[in-house]
Protein backbone atom coordinates (compact mmCIF):
# COMPACT_ATOMS: atom_id res chain seq x y z
CA UNK A 1 -18.18 -3.12 -9.83
CA UNK A 2 -15.33 -0.55 -8.88
CA UNK A 3 -16.47 3.32 -9.32
CA UNK A 4 -13.80 3.62 -12.71
CA UNK A 5 -16.25 0.80 -14.03
CA UNK A 6 -19.28 2.97 -13.34
CA UNK A 7 -21.29 3.11 -16.81
CA UNK A 8 -18.61 0.51 -18.75
CA UNK A 9 -20.37 -2.22 -20.81
CA UNK A 10 -19.07 -6.00 -19.54
CA UNK A 11 -15.91 -6.82 -21.25
CA UNK A 12 -16.36 -3.39 -23.15
CA UNK A 13 -12.65 -2.58 -21.69
CA UNK A 14 -11.44 -5.82 -22.80
CA UNK A 15 -12.15 -5.15 -26.33
CA UNK A 16 -9.58 -3.80 -29.00
CA UNK A 17 -10.18 0.09 -29.21
CA UNK A 18 -10.26 -0.12 -33.28
CA UNK A 19 -13.35 -2.50 -32.78
CA UNK A 20 -15.27 -0.70 -29.91
CA UNK A 21 -15.03 2.52 -32.07
CA UNK A 22 -16.10 0.35 -35.23
CA UNK A 23 -19.25 -1.19 -33.37
CA UNK A 24 -20.04 1.62 -31.27
CA UNK A 25 -20.32 3.66 -34.65
CA UNK A 26 -22.18 0.93 -36.54
CA UNK A 27 -24.91 0.32 -32.97
CA UNK A 28 -25.31 4.02 -33.70
CA UNK A 29 -25.61 4.34 -37.04
CA UNK A 30 -28.13 1.25 -37.36
CA UNK A 31 -30.32 2.88 -34.19
CA UNK A 32 -30.32 6.26 -35.86
CA UNK A 33 -31.38 4.97 -39.37
CA UNK A 34 -34.35 2.91 -37.61
CA UNK A 35 -35.94 5.50 -35.41
CA UNK A 36 -35.95 8.17 -37.99
CA UNK A 37 -38.25 5.33 -40.31
CA UNK A 38 -40.19 4.64 -37.18
CA UNK A 39 -40.83 8.37 -36.30
CA UNK A 40 -41.52 9.35 -39.75
CA UNK A 41 -44.73 6.58 -40.16
CA UNK A 42 -46.02 7.73 -36.73
CA UNK A 43 -46.10 11.35 -37.48
CA UNK A 44 -46.39 11.47 -40.65
CA UNK A 45 -48.21 8.23 -42.40
CA UNK A 46 -50.43 7.92 -38.90
CA UNK A 47 -50.31 11.72 -38.28
CA UNK A 48 -49.67 11.40 -34.66
CA UNK A 49 -49.94 15.06 -33.87
CA UNK A 50 -47.85 15.18 -30.50
CA UNK A 51 -43.86 14.49 -30.89
CA UNK A 52 -43.42 16.24 -27.50
CA UNK A 53 -45.58 12.86 -25.89
CA UNK A 54 -43.88 10.64 -28.63
CA UNK A 55 -40.70 12.10 -26.87
CA UNK A 56 -42.01 11.78 -23.15
CA UNK A 57 -42.41 8.24 -24.03
CA UNK A 58 -38.56 7.73 -25.23
CA UNK A 59 -37.89 9.25 -21.62
CA UNK A 60 -39.91 7.04 -19.57
CA UNK A 61 -38.69 4.06 -21.70
CA UNK A 62 -35.04 5.20 -21.19
CA UNK A 63 -35.82 5.72 -17.06
CA UNK A 64 -37.55 2.43 -16.64
CA UNK A 65 -34.72 0.39 -18.50
CA UNK A 66 -31.99 1.80 -16.70
CA UNK A 67 -33.25 1.68 -13.54
CA UNK A 68 -34.76 -1.78 -13.78
CA UNK A 69 -31.15 -2.50 -15.05
CA UNK A 70 -29.36 -1.10 -11.88
CA UNK A 71 -31.76 -2.42 -9.40
CA UNK A 72 -30.51 -6.00 -11.20
CA UNK A 73 -26.89 -4.96 -10.85
CA UNK A 74 -26.45 -5.35 -14.67
CA UNK A 75 -25.31 -1.81 -14.76
CA UNK A 76 -23.69 0.72 -12.16
CA UNK A 77 -24.26 4.32 -11.94
CA UNK A 78 -23.85 7.02 -9.09
CA UNK A 79 -27.06 7.17 -6.71
CA UNK A 80 -28.54 10.97 -6.38
CA UNK A 81 -27.37 13.66 -5.06
CA UNK A 82 -27.01 17.46 -4.83
CA UNK A 83 -24.01 18.07 -6.94
CA UNK A 84 -25.06 16.17 -9.90
CA UNK A 85 -27.41 18.88 -11.54
CA UNK A 86 -24.45 20.95 -11.67
CA UNK A 87 -22.01 18.29 -12.95
CA UNK A 88 -24.56 17.69 -15.93
CA UNK A 89 -25.74 21.48 -16.80
CA UNK A 90 -26.25 22.45 -19.56
CA UNK A 91 -26.76 18.63 -21.09
CA UNK A 92 -30.53 18.20 -19.92
CA UNK A 93 -31.34 21.11 -21.65
CA UNK A 94 -29.66 20.13 -24.57
CA UNK A 95 -31.47 16.62 -24.44
CA UNK A 96 -34.48 17.79 -24.44
CA UNK A 97 -34.27 20.69 -27.09
CA UNK A 98 -32.27 17.95 -29.17
CA UNK A 99 -35.43 15.59 -28.93
CA UNK A 100 -38.57 17.79 -29.38
CA UNK A 101 -36.76 19.44 -32.23
CA UNK A 102 -35.89 16.94 -33.94
CA UNK A 103 -39.17 15.03 -33.65
CA UNK A 104 -41.03 17.80 -34.90
CA UNK A 105 -38.45 18.52 -37.59
CA UNK A 106 -39.14 14.60 -38.89
CA UNK A 107 -43.11 15.57 -39.35
CA UNK A 108 -42.96 18.52 -40.91
CA UNK A 109 -40.43 17.90 -43.68
CA UNK A 110 -39.47 15.38 -46.38
CA UNK A 111 -36.93 12.68 -45.55
CA UNK A 112 -34.71 13.44 -48.12
CA UNK A 113 -34.92 17.40 -47.62
CA UNK A 114 -34.64 16.62 -43.40
CA UNK A 115 -31.52 14.61 -44.09
CA UNK A 116 -29.74 17.21 -45.97
CA UNK A 117 -30.77 20.11 -43.60
CA UNK A 118 -29.48 17.60 -40.89
CA UNK A 119 -26.13 17.84 -42.77
CA UNK A 120 -25.63 21.10 -40.40
CA UNK A 121 -24.92 19.41 -37.89
CA UNK A 122 -21.36 18.69 -38.68
CA UNK A 123 -20.22 22.20 -39.54
CA UNK A 124 -21.78 23.13 -36.01
CA UNK A 125 -19.86 20.59 -34.51
CA UNK A 126 -16.43 21.19 -36.11
CA UNK A 127 -17.23 24.67 -34.73
CA UNK A 128 -17.79 23.85 -31.29
CA UNK A 129 -15.03 21.25 -30.97
CA UNK A 130 -12.71 23.78 -32.03
CA UNK A 131 -14.06 26.51 -29.65
CA UNK A 132 -15.23 24.29 -26.72
CA UNK A 133 -12.59 21.05 -26.82
CA UNK A 134 -9.67 23.17 -28.65
CA UNK A 135 -9.45 20.98 -32.03
CA UNK A 136 -8.14 21.66 -35.40
CA UNK A 137 -8.72 20.51 -38.53
CA UNK A 138 -7.25 20.27 -42.05
CA UNK A 139 -8.30 21.78 -45.46
CA UNK A 140 -9.32 18.51 -46.76
CA UNK A 141 -11.88 18.76 -43.96
CA UNK A 142 -12.71 22.02 -44.46
CA UNK A 143 -13.34 21.66 -48.14
CA UNK A 144 -15.93 18.70 -47.84
CA UNK A 145 -17.72 20.81 -45.29
CA UNK A 146 -18.12 23.68 -47.64
CA UNK A 147 -19.60 21.46 -50.71
CA UNK A 148 -22.18 20.17 -47.64
CA UNK A 149 -23.26 23.40 -46.94
CA UNK A 150 -23.13 24.50 -50.70
CA UNK A 151 -25.13 21.15 -51.56
CA UNK A 152 -27.67 21.83 -48.57
CA UNK A 153 -28.45 25.89 -49.73
CA UNK A 154 -28.80 24.44 -53.72
CA UNK A 155 -31.38 21.91 -52.30
CA UNK A 156 -33.23 24.33 -49.66
CA UNK A 157 -33.45 26.64 -52.39
CA UNK A 158 -35.40 25.11 -55.04
CA UNK A 159 -37.38 22.76 -52.30
CA UNK A 160 -41.15 22.96 -53.79
CA UNK A 161 -42.47 21.71 -50.27
CA UNK A 162 -40.73 24.56 -48.53
CA UNK A 163 -41.78 25.02 -44.65
CA UNK A 164 -40.77 27.26 -42.44
CA UNK A 165 -41.35 25.59 -39.16
CA UNK A 166 -40.18 22.65 -40.52
CA UNK A 167 -36.64 24.16 -41.30
CA UNK A 168 -36.72 26.35 -38.16
CA UNK A 169 -37.00 23.04 -36.20
CA UNK A 170 -34.48 21.41 -37.91
CA UNK A 171 -31.79 24.23 -37.84
CA UNK A 172 -32.33 24.13 -34.06
CA UNK A 173 -32.33 20.41 -34.38
CA UNK A 174 -28.82 20.68 -35.60
CA UNK A 175 -27.36 23.27 -32.96
CA UNK A 176 -28.96 21.10 -30.32
CA UNK A 177 -27.00 17.94 -31.49
CA UNK A 178 -23.80 19.43 -32.08
CA UNK A 179 -23.93 21.01 -28.64
CA UNK A 180 -25.08 17.51 -27.10
CA UNK A 181 -22.64 15.52 -28.71
CA UNK A 182 -19.47 17.74 -27.89
CA UNK A 183 -20.81 18.65 -24.28
CA UNK A 184 -21.44 14.63 -23.76
CA UNK A 185 -17.64 14.17 -24.66
CA UNK A 186 -16.95 16.59 -22.00
CA UNK A 187 -19.21 15.53 -18.96
CA UNK A 188 -18.54 11.68 -19.58
CA UNK A 189 -15.74 10.93 -16.63
CA UNK A 190 -16.20 7.16 -15.98
CA UNK A 191 -15.11 8.48 -12.20
CA UNK A 192 -18.50 10.50 -11.98
CA UNK A 193 -21.47 9.82 -13.84
CA UNK A 194 -20.44 7.39 -16.22
CA UNK A 195 -22.54 6.47 -19.72
CA UNK A 196 -25.63 5.28 -18.25
CA UNK A 197 -25.78 8.11 -15.47
CA UNK A 198 -25.36 10.84 -17.90
CA UNK A 199 -28.33 9.15 -19.87
CA UNK A 200 -30.50 8.39 -16.36
CA UNK A 201 -30.30 11.50 -14.98
CA UNK A 202 -30.89 13.78 -18.36
CA UNK A 203 -33.96 11.65 -19.02
CA UNK A 204 -35.02 11.94 -15.12
CA UNK A 205 -34.36 15.94 -15.17
CA UNK A 206 -36.19 16.38 -17.95
CA UNK A 207 -39.39 14.19 -18.27
CA UNK A 208 -41.36 16.04 -15.70
CA UNK A 209 -40.83 20.03 -17.30
CA UNK A 210 -41.60 18.25 -20.84
CA UNK A 211 -45.02 16.85 -19.67
CA UNK A 212 -45.68 20.24 -18.11
CA UNK A 213 -44.64 21.78 -21.60
CA UNK A 214 -47.02 19.15 -22.93
CA UNK A 215 -49.97 19.62 -21.02
CA UNK A 216 -49.79 23.55 -20.95
CA UNK A 217 -49.61 23.29 -24.94
CA UNK A 218 -52.64 21.08 -25.37
CA UNK A 219 -50.05 18.89 -26.96
CA UNK A 220 -51.19 16.06 -24.44
CA UNK A 221 -54.73 16.80 -25.13
CA UNK A 222 -54.43 16.25 -29.02
CA UNK A 223 -52.41 12.66 -28.08
CA UNK A 224 -55.13 11.54 -26.01
CA UNK A 225 -57.63 12.30 -28.47
CA UNK A 226 -56.03 10.88 -31.52
CA UNK A 227 -58.13 8.07 -33.42
CA UNK A 228 -55.55 5.43 -33.60
CA UNK A 229 -54.95 4.17 -30.27
CA UNK A 230 -56.96 0.52 -30.99
CA UNK A 231 -54.57 0.28 -34.07
CA UNK A 232 -52.73 -2.56 -32.85
CA UNK A 233 -50.13 -1.77 -35.51
CA UNK A 234 -49.81 1.72 -34.49
CA UNK A 235 -49.42 0.89 -30.87
CA UNK A 236 -46.89 -1.43 -31.55
CA UNK A 237 -44.58 1.34 -33.90
CA UNK A 238 -45.09 3.87 -30.93
CA UNK A 239 -43.65 1.30 -28.39
CA UNK A 240 -41.06 0.35 -30.92
CA UNK A 241 -39.97 4.15 -30.83
CA UNK A 242 -40.06 4.62 -27.53
CA UNK A 243 -37.73 1.47 -27.53
CA UNK A 244 -35.60 2.60 -30.06
CA UNK A 245 -35.27 6.35 -28.42
CA UNK A 246 -33.54 4.60 -25.54
CA UNK A 247 -31.43 2.65 -27.84
CA UNK A 248 -30.57 6.05 -29.77
CA UNK A 249 -29.55 7.91 -26.64
CA UNK A 250 -27.76 4.95 -25.49
CA UNK A 251 -25.43 4.33 -28.85
CA UNK A 252 -25.28 8.04 -29.24
CA UNK A 253 -23.64 8.17 -25.78
CA UNK A 254 -21.45 4.99 -26.53
CA UNK A 255 -20.45 6.39 -29.91
CA UNK A 256 -19.50 9.40 -28.55
CA UNK A 257 -17.40 7.66 -25.45
CA UNK A 258 -15.20 5.20 -27.48
CA UNK A 259 -15.04 8.32 -30.70
CA UNK A 260 -15.09 12.05 -30.74
CA UNK A 261 -18.39 13.89 -31.03
CA UNK A 262 -17.43 14.37 -34.80
CA UNK A 263 -17.21 10.84 -35.40
CA UNK A 264 -20.75 10.79 -33.91
CA UNK A 265 -21.99 13.61 -35.89
CA UNK A 266 -20.41 11.86 -39.43
CA UNK A 267 -21.71 8.10 -38.33
CA UNK A 268 -25.28 9.95 -38.64
CA UNK A 269 -24.49 11.86 -41.80
CA UNK A 270 -23.66 8.73 -43.61
CA UNK A 271 -26.74 6.51 -42.32
CA UNK A 272 -28.68 10.02 -43.71
CA UNK A 273 -27.24 9.31 -47.07
CA UNK A 274 -29.57 6.18 -47.29
CA UNK A 275 -32.86 7.39 -45.42
CA UNK A 276 -32.73 10.23 -47.98
CA UNK A 277 -32.91 8.02 -51.00
CA UNK A 278 -35.23 5.64 -49.33
CA UNK A 279 -37.56 8.79 -48.54
CA UNK A 280 -37.40 9.50 -52.27
CA UNK A 281 -38.88 6.41 -53.18
CA UNK A 282 -41.03 5.65 -49.81
CA UNK A 283 -41.77 8.71 -47.93
CA UNK A 284 -44.70 10.19 -50.21
CA UNK A 285 -43.91 13.79 -49.43
CA UNK A 286 -40.87 14.42 -51.93
CA UNK A 287 -41.53 16.92 -54.64
CA UNK A 288 -38.75 16.13 -57.34
CA UNK A 289 -36.86 18.86 -59.62
CA UNK A 290 -33.69 19.06 -60.97
CA UNK A 291 -31.95 21.87 -59.09
CA UNK A 292 -33.26 20.26 -56.04
CA UNK A 293 -31.97 16.83 -56.83
CA UNK A 294 -28.31 18.12 -58.18
CA UNK A 295 -28.23 20.01 -54.58
CA UNK A 296 -28.92 16.88 -52.34
CA UNK A 297 -26.68 14.95 -54.46
CA UNK A 298 -23.76 17.96 -54.00
CA UNK A 299 -24.31 17.86 -50.14
CA UNK A 300 -24.22 13.72 -49.99
CA UNK A 301 -21.25 13.26 -51.79
CA UNK A 302 -19.55 16.09 -49.39
CA UNK A 303 -20.93 14.40 -46.58
CA UNK A 304 -19.23 11.18 -47.85
CA UNK A 305 -16.03 12.65 -48.36
CA UNK A 306 -15.94 14.09 -45.17
CA UNK A 307 -17.22 10.99 -43.59
CA UNK A 308 -14.63 9.15 -45.18
CA UNK A 309 -11.72 11.71 -44.08
CA UNK A 310 -12.74 11.71 -40.38
CA UNK A 311 -13.29 8.32 -39.86
CA UNK A 312 -9.74 7.30 -41.55
CA UNK A 313 -8.12 9.69 -39.13
CA UNK A 314 -10.17 8.09 -36.08
CA UNK A 315 -9.08 4.84 -37.10
CA UNK A 316 -5.64 4.69 -38.17
CA UNK A 317 -3.14 4.90 -35.48
CA UNK A 318 -1.57 8.56 -34.59
CA UNK A 319 1.66 10.04 -36.38
CA UNK A 320 3.46 13.20 -35.62
CA UNK A 321 3.00 14.46 -39.25
CA UNK A 322 -0.77 13.39 -39.51
CA UNK A 323 -2.53 17.04 -38.90
CA UNK A 324 -5.98 15.35 -38.63
CA UNK A 325 -4.91 13.18 -35.94
CA UNK A 326 -6.50 13.71 -32.16
CA UNK A 327 -4.52 12.72 -29.77
CA UNK A 328 -7.36 13.42 -26.85
CA UNK A 329 -9.41 10.79 -28.89
CA UNK A 330 -7.04 8.48 -29.66
CA UNK A 331 -6.60 7.37 -25.95
CA UNK A 332 -9.60 4.62 -26.69
């Protein structure tokens, strides 16, 4: 395999650009949907006390899967050299911040409120893409973003199960997710680290510092003393979460590679609609109020409208008069 193919899937280059974009977006949406439900069961239903240890398990799974795949020549990414940390920075910090804040907010909030507050990732991504990548967006896009923010504020203002710590974690998660998506797009040069290299070295650089944090805060001790380690169903879900953690990281990088960081954020927002309504029925920790429900639906409607506009501009051929087209992302 040549260096230019570093991090590319076998046959991915032969896929039509539109199909590759669509499949990568669907793959990301499916992984993102499943891991939210599994993590919610682990952290809330079972009451697992340590989101940091769960994050360490997901990083370890990523490292092992990619390293074994590299040894068996299934994939390729560059061997370590001293320039790699410089090439990656600040991705490892954003990666671990995104990981831990996401798991912590999943535990503290009901699924409907978690998914609505996660929608702030979209305006943050739009802002960062404008500042860092120099993109511009139409008034239709900006109006949809305003609806998302308005609905989220209405829902949050009438949240009867308000949890300040959960809100802080989810807003941190929004910032880390937006920055992670934009910088991943910027750093993912196939001639350098490629998709797999970005994933592997991110996890390698941050697993030891995260483990140290877990030990020093007593988080690891709480996890080892947890009373469900003899429960086969719990262990299966824990291992499934670790594997899904790898798939989610891989699908996020893949979706950002074939699409824009904004499209990745949009697919996540579409997924959140189904998670929110399922959470109302099955989550067990959502407290209904009329104003909160209205806010949720305004936010969801704005997210879906925004998703439609953005995906339409991504999938159709660029035209000179199309003010939403993004030439840098039309290269496939």
